[in-house]
Amino acid sequence: MPMLRTLHRCPVYEVPFLWDSTFIEQRIQAIEQAGLRFGYESRSARGETGPRGLRFAVFEPNISVVKCCVIPMLIGEAAFR
C-alpha cells in the first residue's frame, strides 16, 4: 500500500483478489447457467484452423498483484512487437 500510495498520490484500499476461489467458482456457475463453457479450449477443439497466435505463461507466487500483472503484460508486449 505505501508504494501505490506514493506512486499514484491517491488513497489506496485493500480488496480481495478477483481470482479468489470463491469468486471463480461463482463465475463458473454463472457462465454455465448462461450455456457457455469456462476454461481453456484449444483452437483445434473448436474446429478453428490457420496460424496460431503467441501464448505465454508466468509461474510466479501470487505475492504482489502489481508484480503478477506488470511482468506478464511486459512479456506479452515484447512478444507482440
N, C-alpha and C. Protein backbone atom coordinates (compact mmCIF):
# COMPACT_ATOMS: atom_id res chain seq x y z
N MET A 1 0.80 -1.20 0.00
CA MET A 1 0.00 0.00 0.00
C MET A 1 0.85 1.27 0.00
N PRO A 2 1.91 1.33 0.80
CA PRO A 2 2.70 2.55 0.79
C PRO A 2 3.29 2.87 -0.59
N MET A 3 3.72 1.82 -1.32
CA MET A 3 4.29 2.05 -2.64
C MET A 3 3.24 2.63 -3.59
N LEU A 4 2.05 2.04 -3.62
CA LEU A 4 1.00 2.52 -4.52
C LEU A 4 0.53 3.92 -4.13
N ARG A 5 0.42 4.16 -2.82
CA ARG A 5 0.02 5.48 -2.35
C ARG A 5 1.03 6.54 -2.79
N THR A 6 2.31 6.21 -2.73
CA THR A 6 3.35 7.15 -3.12
C THR A 6 3.37 7.35 -4.64
N LEU A 7 3.27 6.26 -5.40
CA LEU A 7 3.32 6.36 -6.86
C LEU A 7 2.16 7.13 -7.44
N HIS A 8 0.95 6.86 -6.96
CA HIS A 8 -0.25 7.43 -7.57
C HIS A 8 -0.82 8.62 -6.82
N ARG A 9 -0.28 8.89 -5.63
CA ARG A 9 -0.72 10.03 -4.82
C ARG A 9 -2.24 10.07 -4.65
N CYS A 10 -2.78 8.92 -4.24
CA CYS A 10 -4.21 8.83 -4.00
C CYS A 10 -4.45 7.80 -2.90
N PRO A 11 -5.64 7.77 -2.31
CA PRO A 11 -5.94 6.78 -1.28
C PRO A 11 -5.89 5.37 -1.87
N VAL A 12 -5.45 4.43 -1.08
CA VAL A 12 -5.37 3.03 -1.50
C VAL A 12 -6.22 2.20 -0.57
N TYR A 13 -7.04 1.31 -1.13
CA TYR A 13 -7.92 0.44 -0.34
C TYR A 13 -7.60 -1.01 -0.65
N GLU A 14 -7.57 -1.83 0.37
CA GLU A 14 -7.30 -3.25 0.20
C GLU A 14 -8.61 -3.98 -0.11
N VAL A 15 -8.60 -4.76 -1.18
CA VAL A 15 -9.78 -5.53 -1.58
C VAL A 15 -9.34 -6.97 -1.85
N PRO A 16 -10.26 -7.94 -1.80
CA PRO A 16 -9.86 -9.32 -2.08
C PRO A 16 -9.47 -9.50 -3.55
N PHE A 17 -8.61 -10.47 -3.80
CA PHE A 17 -8.20 -10.77 -5.17
C PHE A 17 -9.40 -11.26 -5.98
N LEU A 18 -9.47 -10.85 -7.24
CA LEU A 18 -10.56 -11.28 -8.11
C LEU A 18 -10.48 -12.77 -8.43
N TRP A 19 -9.29 -13.35 -8.29
CA TRP A 19 -9.14 -14.76 -8.62
C TRP A 19 -9.24 -15.64 -7.39
N ASP A 20 -9.83 -15.12 -6.32
CA ASP A 20 -10.10 -15.94 -5.14
C ASP A 20 -11.00 -17.10 -5.56
N SER A 21 -10.78 -18.28 -4.99
CA SER A 21 -11.51 -19.47 -5.44
C SER A 21 -13.02 -19.30 -5.33
N THR A 22 -13.50 -18.59 -4.33
CA THR A 22 -14.94 -18.36 -4.19
C THR A 22 -15.48 -17.57 -5.37
N PHE A 23 -14.78 -16.51 -5.75
CA PHE A 23 -15.20 -15.68 -6.87
C PHE A 23 -15.20 -16.50 -8.16
N ILE A 24 -14.14 -17.26 -8.38
CA ILE A 24 -14.02 -18.05 -9.61
C ILE A 24 -15.14 -19.08 -9.69
N GLU A 25 -15.42 -19.78 -8.61
CA GLU A 25 -16.49 -20.80 -8.62
C GLU A 25 -17.85 -20.16 -8.90
N GLN A 26 -18.11 -18.98 -8.35
CA GLN A 26 -19.38 -18.29 -8.61
C GLN A 26 -19.48 -17.91 -10.09
N ARG A 27 -18.39 -17.42 -10.67
CA ARG A 27 -18.42 -17.05 -12.09
C ARG A 27 -18.59 -18.27 -12.99
N ILE A 28 -17.95 -19.38 -12.64
CA ILE A 28 -18.09 -20.61 -13.43
C ILE A 28 -19.56 -21.03 -13.46
N GLN A 29 -20.21 -21.00 -12.30
CA GLN A 29 -21.63 -21.37 -12.24
C GLN A 29 -22.49 -20.43 -13.08
N ALA A 30 -22.21 -19.12 -12.99
CA ALA A 30 -22.99 -18.15 -13.76
C ALA A 30 -22.78 -18.35 -15.26
N ILE A 31 -21.56 -18.62 -15.66
CA ILE A 31 -21.26 -18.83 -17.08
C ILE A 31 -21.93 -20.09 -17.59
N GLU A 32 -21.89 -21.18 -16.79
CA GLU A 32 -22.53 -22.42 -17.22
C GLU A 32 -24.05 -22.28 -17.29
N GLN A 33 -24.64 -21.48 -16.41
CA GLN A 33 -26.09 -21.25 -16.47
C GLN A 33 -26.47 -20.48 -17.73
N ALA A 34 -25.53 -19.69 -18.26
CA ALA A 34 -25.77 -18.95 -19.50
C ALA A 34 -25.52 -19.82 -20.73
N GLY A 35 -25.15 -21.10 -20.51
CA GLY A 35 -24.94 -22.01 -21.62
C GLY A 35 -23.54 -21.95 -22.22
N LEU A 36 -22.61 -21.34 -21.51
CA LEU A 36 -21.23 -21.23 -22.00
C LEU A 36 -20.34 -22.17 -21.20
N ARG A 37 -19.09 -22.31 -21.68
CA ARG A 37 -18.14 -23.19 -21.02
C ARG A 37 -16.98 -22.37 -20.49
N PHE A 38 -16.58 -22.60 -19.24
CA PHE A 38 -15.46 -21.90 -18.63
C PHE A 38 -14.18 -22.69 -18.82
N GLY A 39 -13.07 -22.01 -19.12
CA GLY A 39 -11.78 -22.67 -19.19
C GLY A 39 -11.18 -22.61 -20.58
N TYR A 40 -9.94 -23.04 -20.64
CA TYR A 40 -9.20 -23.03 -21.90
C TYR A 40 -9.70 -24.11 -22.83
N GLU A 41 -9.83 -23.77 -24.08
CA GLU A 41 -10.21 -24.73 -25.11
C GLU A 41 -9.31 -24.46 -26.32
N SER A 42 -8.60 -25.48 -26.77
CA SER A 42 -7.66 -25.28 -27.88
C SER A 42 -8.41 -24.94 -29.17
N ARG A 43 -7.70 -24.31 -30.08
CA ARG A 43 -8.30 -23.95 -31.37
C ARG A 43 -8.76 -25.19 -32.12
N SER A 44 -7.96 -26.26 -32.05
CA SER A 44 -8.33 -27.48 -32.77
C SER A 44 -9.61 -28.08 -32.18
N ALA A 45 -9.80 -27.97 -30.87
CA ALA A 45 -11.03 -28.47 -30.24
C ALA A 45 -12.24 -27.66 -30.68
N ARG A 46 -12.03 -26.38 -31.02
CA ARG A 46 -13.12 -25.53 -31.50
C ARG A 46 -13.31 -25.66 -33.00
N GLY A 47 -12.42 -26.40 -33.67
CA GLY A 47 -12.53 -26.59 -35.11
C GLY A 47 -11.94 -25.45 -35.91
N GLU A 48 -11.12 -24.61 -35.29
CA GLU A 48 -10.51 -23.49 -36.00
C GLU A 48 -9.20 -23.92 -36.65
N THR A 49 -8.89 -23.30 -37.77
CA THR A 49 -7.63 -23.57 -38.45
C THR A 49 -6.93 -22.24 -38.71
N GLY A 50 -5.73 -22.30 -39.24
CA GLY A 50 -4.99 -21.09 -39.56
C GLY A 50 -3.81 -20.91 -38.64
N PRO A 51 -3.09 -19.81 -38.79
CA PRO A 51 -1.90 -19.59 -37.98
C PRO A 51 -2.25 -19.41 -36.51
N ARG A 52 -1.37 -19.93 -35.66
CA ARG A 52 -1.59 -19.82 -34.22
C ARG A 52 -1.01 -18.52 -33.70
N GLY A 53 -1.64 -17.96 -32.71
CA GLY A 53 -1.12 -16.78 -32.05
C GLY A 53 -0.10 -17.17 -30.99
N LEU A 54 0.57 -16.17 -30.46
CA LEU A 54 1.53 -16.42 -29.40
C LEU A 54 0.82 -16.66 -28.08
N ARG A 55 1.40 -17.52 -27.26
CA ARG A 55 0.89 -17.76 -25.90
C ARG A 55 2.06 -17.71 -24.95
N PHE A 56 1.82 -17.22 -23.78
CA PHE A 56 2.87 -17.24 -22.76
C PHE A 56 2.22 -17.45 -21.39
N ALA A 57 3.00 -17.91 -20.46
CA ALA A 57 2.53 -18.12 -19.10
C ALA A 57 3.63 -17.69 -18.14
N VAL A 58 3.21 -17.16 -17.01
CA VAL A 58 4.15 -16.76 -15.97
C VAL A 58 3.78 -17.53 -14.71
N PHE A 59 4.73 -18.26 -14.18
CA PHE A 59 4.50 -19.02 -12.96
C PHE A 59 5.24 -18.33 -11.82
N GLU A 60 4.55 -17.49 -11.11
CA GLU A 60 5.10 -16.72 -10.01
C GLU A 60 4.22 -16.92 -8.79
N PRO A 61 4.79 -16.89 -7.61
CA PRO A 61 3.93 -16.92 -6.43
C PRO A 61 3.08 -15.64 -6.40
N ASN A 62 1.86 -15.76 -5.99
CA ASN A 62 0.93 -14.64 -6.00
C ASN A 62 1.16 -13.77 -4.77
N ILE A 63 2.29 -13.06 -4.75
CA ILE A 63 2.63 -12.23 -3.61
C ILE A 63 2.20 -10.79 -3.83
N SER A 64 2.41 -10.29 -5.03
CA SER A 64 2.09 -8.90 -5.33
C SER A 64 1.27 -8.84 -6.61
N VAL A 65 0.10 -8.22 -6.52
CA VAL A 65 -0.76 -8.08 -7.69
C VAL A 65 -0.05 -7.25 -8.76
N VAL A 66 0.67 -6.23 -8.34
CA VAL A 66 1.38 -5.38 -9.29
C VAL A 66 2.41 -6.21 -10.05
N LYS A 67 3.20 -7.00 -9.32
CA LYS A 67 4.24 -7.82 -9.95
C LYS A 67 3.61 -8.88 -10.84
N CYS A 68 2.54 -9.51 -10.38
CA CYS A 68 1.90 -10.58 -11.15
C CYS A 68 1.18 -10.04 -12.37
N CYS A 69 0.93 -8.75 -12.43
CA CYS A 69 0.24 -8.16 -13.58
C CYS A 69 1.22 -7.51 -14.54
N VAL A 70 2.16 -6.73 -14.01
CA VAL A 70 3.05 -5.94 -14.86
C VAL A 70 3.99 -6.83 -15.66
N ILE A 71 4.60 -7.82 -15.03
CA ILE A 71 5.56 -8.68 -15.72
C ILE A 71 4.90 -9.41 -16.90
N PRO A 72 3.74 -10.07 -16.72
CA PRO A 72 3.10 -10.71 -17.89
C PRO A 72 2.73 -9.72 -18.99
N MET A 73 2.31 -8.50 -18.63
CA MET A 73 2.00 -7.51 -19.66
C MET A 73 3.22 -7.12 -20.45
N LEU A 74 4.36 -6.95 -19.77
CA LEU A 74 5.60 -6.60 -20.47
C LEU A 74 6.07 -7.76 -21.36
N ILE A 75 5.94 -8.99 -20.89
CA ILE A 75 6.30 -10.15 -21.70
C ILE A 75 5.42 -10.20 -22.94
N GLY A 76 4.12 -10.03 -22.76
CA GLY A 76 3.20 -10.06 -23.89
C GLY A 76 3.49 -8.95 -24.90
N GLU A 77 3.79 -7.77 -24.41
CA GLU A 77 4.11 -6.67 -25.32
C GLU A 77 5.39 -6.95 -26.10
N ALA A 78 6.40 -7.47 -25.42
CA ALA A 78 7.67 -7.78 -26.10
C ALA A 78 7.46 -8.88 -27.15
N ALA A 79 6.67 -9.90 -26.82
CA ALA A 79 6.40 -10.97 -27.77
C ALA A 79 5.60 -10.45 -28.97
N PHE A 80 4.66 -9.56 -28.73
CA PHE A 80 3.84 -8.99 -29.81
C PHE A 80 4.70 -8.16 -30.76
N ARG A 81 5.60 -7.35 -30.18
CA ARG A 81 6.46 -6.48 -31.01
C ARG A 81 7.44 -7.31 -31.79
